[in-house]
Amino acid sequence: MAAPYAYTISQTAQVSALSRSEIYRAINRGDLIARKRGKRTLILAQDLQRWLDSLPVIENPKPSGSVRRRV
């Protein structure tokens, strides 16, 4: 089965592991390109990939230390 060419908002949220709200915020900021076809909002797979690639990379994350418990 070939990869989808475009995603709905719900599909975009599912494949990106982000919420629908975050997808809409990215569209409204102009960070993520969306297209309309009738009532449907579509995100091209290449536009989603470009946006995800533009997100900041975590450099040298701090190692998680031991958790201190209060007794």
C-alpha atoms as a PDB file:
ATOM      1  CA  MET A   1       0.000   0.000   0.000  1.00  0.00           C
ATOM      2  CA  ALA A   2       1.379   3.414  -0.985  1.00  0.00           C
ATOM      3  CA  ALA A   3       1.840   6.179   1.564  1.00  0.00           C
ATOM      4  CA  PRO A   4      -0.931   8.804   1.583  1.00  0.00           C
ATOM      5  CA  TYR A   5      -0.363  11.946  -0.470  1.00  0.00           C
ATOM      6  CA  ALA A   6      -2.473  14.067   1.904  1.00  0.00           C
ATOM      7  CA  TYR A   7      -3.973  13.806   5.379  1.00  0.00           C
ATOM      8  CA  THR A   8      -7.064  15.217   7.055  1.00  0.00           C
ATOM      9  CA  ILE A   9      -6.543  17.092  10.319  1.00  0.00           C
ATOM     10  CA  SER A  10      -7.406  13.980  12.332  1.00  0.00           C
ATOM     11  CA  GLN A  11      -5.033  11.830  10.291  1.00  0.00           C
ATOM     12  CA  THR A  12      -2.305  14.471  10.593  1.00  0.00           C
ATOM     13  CA  ALA A  13      -2.690  14.452  14.371  1.00  0.00           C
ATOM     14  CA  GLN A  14      -2.550  10.667  14.448  1.00  0.00           C
ATOM     15  CA  VAL A  15       0.557  10.236  12.286  1.00  0.00           C
ATOM     16  CA  SER A  16       2.429  13.107  13.950  1.00  0.00           C
ATOM     17  CA  ALA A  17       1.485  12.121  17.536  1.00  0.00           C
ATOM     18  CA  LEU A  18       0.301  15.699  18.149  1.00  0.00           C
ATOM     19  CA  SER A  19      -3.134  17.000  19.066  1.00  0.00           C
ATOM     20  CA  ARG A  20      -5.624  18.443  16.599  1.00  0.00           C
ATOM     21  CA  SER A  21      -5.315  21.731  18.509  1.00  0.00           C
ATOM     22  CA  GLU A  22      -1.556  21.828  17.956  1.00  0.00           C
ATOM     23  CA  ILE A  23      -2.071  21.145  14.249  1.00  0.00           C
ATOM     24  CA  TYR A  24      -4.566  24.015  13.989  1.00  0.00           C
ATOM     25  CA  ARG A  25      -2.213  26.339  15.928  1.00  0.00           C
ATOM     26  CA  ALA A  26       0.617  25.531  13.506  1.00  0.00           C
ATOM     27  CA  ILE A  27      -1.682  26.252  10.557  1.00  0.00           C
ATOM     28  CA  ASN A  28      -2.887  29.540  12.076  1.00  0.00           C
ATOM     29  CA  ARG A  29       0.719  30.644  12.759  1.00  0.00           C
ATOM     30  CA  GLY A  30       1.595  29.878   9.153  1.00  0.00           C
ATOM     31  CA  ASP A  31       4.083  27.190  10.175  1.00  0.00           C
ATOM     32  CA  LEU A  32       2.147  24.343   8.552  1.00  0.00           C
ATOM     33  CA  ILE A  33       0.608  24.703   5.102  1.00  0.00           C
ATOM     34  CA  ALA A  34      -2.995  23.521   4.777  1.00  0.00           C
ATOM     35  CA  ARG A  35      -5.218  23.261   1.731  1.00  0.00           C
ATOM     36  CA  LYS A  36      -8.991  23.275   1.435  1.00  0.00           C
ATOM     37  CA  ARG A  37     -11.135  20.987  -0.699  1.00  0.00           C
ATOM     38  CA  GLY A  38     -14.734  21.795   0.035  1.00  0.00           C
ATOM     39  CA  LYS A  39     -15.144  21.561   3.795  1.00  0.00           C
ATOM     40  CA  ARG A  40     -12.081  19.379   4.249  1.00  0.00           C
ATOM     41  CA  THR A  41      -8.753  20.737   5.391  1.00  0.00           C
ATOM     42  CA  LEU A  42      -5.894  18.727   3.943  1.00  0.00           C
ATOM     43  CA  ILE A  43      -2.213  18.605   4.787  1.00  0.00           C
ATOM     44  CA  LEU A  44       0.117  17.280   2.108  1.00  0.00           C
ATOM     45  CA  ALA A  45       2.499  14.631   3.402  1.00  0.00           C
ATOM     46  CA  GLN A  46       5.500  16.634   2.172  1.00  0.00           C
ATOM     47  CA  ASP A  47       4.288  19.765   4.017  1.00  0.00           C
ATOM     48  CA  LEU A  48       3.811  17.775   7.226  1.00  0.00           C
ATOM     49  CA  GLN A  49       7.304  16.297   6.884  1.00  0.00           C
ATOM     50  CA  ARG A  50       8.810  19.744   6.228  1.00  0.00           C
ATOM     51  CA  TRP A  51       7.085  21.188   9.304  1.00  0.00           C
ATOM     52  CA  LEU A  52       8.131  18.300  11.553  1.00  0.00           C
ATOM     53  CA  ASP A  53      11.706  18.577  10.290  1.00  0.00           C
ATOM     54  CA  SER A  54      11.694  22.288  11.188  1.00  0.00           C
ATOM     55  CA  LEU A  55      10.846  21.653  14.850  1.00  0.00           C
ATOM     56  CA  PRO A  56      13.714  22.209  17.287  1.00  0.00           C
ATOM     57  CA  VAL A  57      16.055  19.348  18.012  1.00  0.00           C
ATOM     58  CA  ILE A  58      16.821  18.588  21.647  1.00  0.00           C
ATOM     59  CA  GLU A  59      20.561  18.886  22.054  1.00  0.00           C
ATOM     60  CA  ASN A  60      22.251  17.027  24.911  1.00  0.00           C
ATOM     61  CA  PRO A  61      19.215  16.398  27.070  1.00  0.00           C
ATOM     62  CA  LYS A  62      19.985  16.282  30.753  1.00  0.00           C
ATOM     63  CA  PRO A  63      20.095  12.722  32.034  1.00  0.00           C
ATOM     64  CA  SER A  64      17.234  11.887  34.311  1.00  0.00           C
ATOM     65  CA  GLY A  65      18.591  11.535  37.808  1.00  0.00           C
ATOM     66  CA  SER A  66      17.246   9.371  40.513  1.00  0.00           C
ATOM     67  CA  VAL A  67      13.933  10.414  41.927  1.00  0.00           C
ATOM     68  CA  ARG A  68      14.059  11.454  45.550  1.00  0.00           C
ATOM     69  CA  ARG A  69      11.258  10.195  47.680  1.00  0.00           C
ATOM     70  CA  ARG A  70       9.993  11.955  50.732  1.00  0.00           C
ATOM     71  CA  VAL A  71       9.511   9.641  53.667  1.00  0.00           C
END
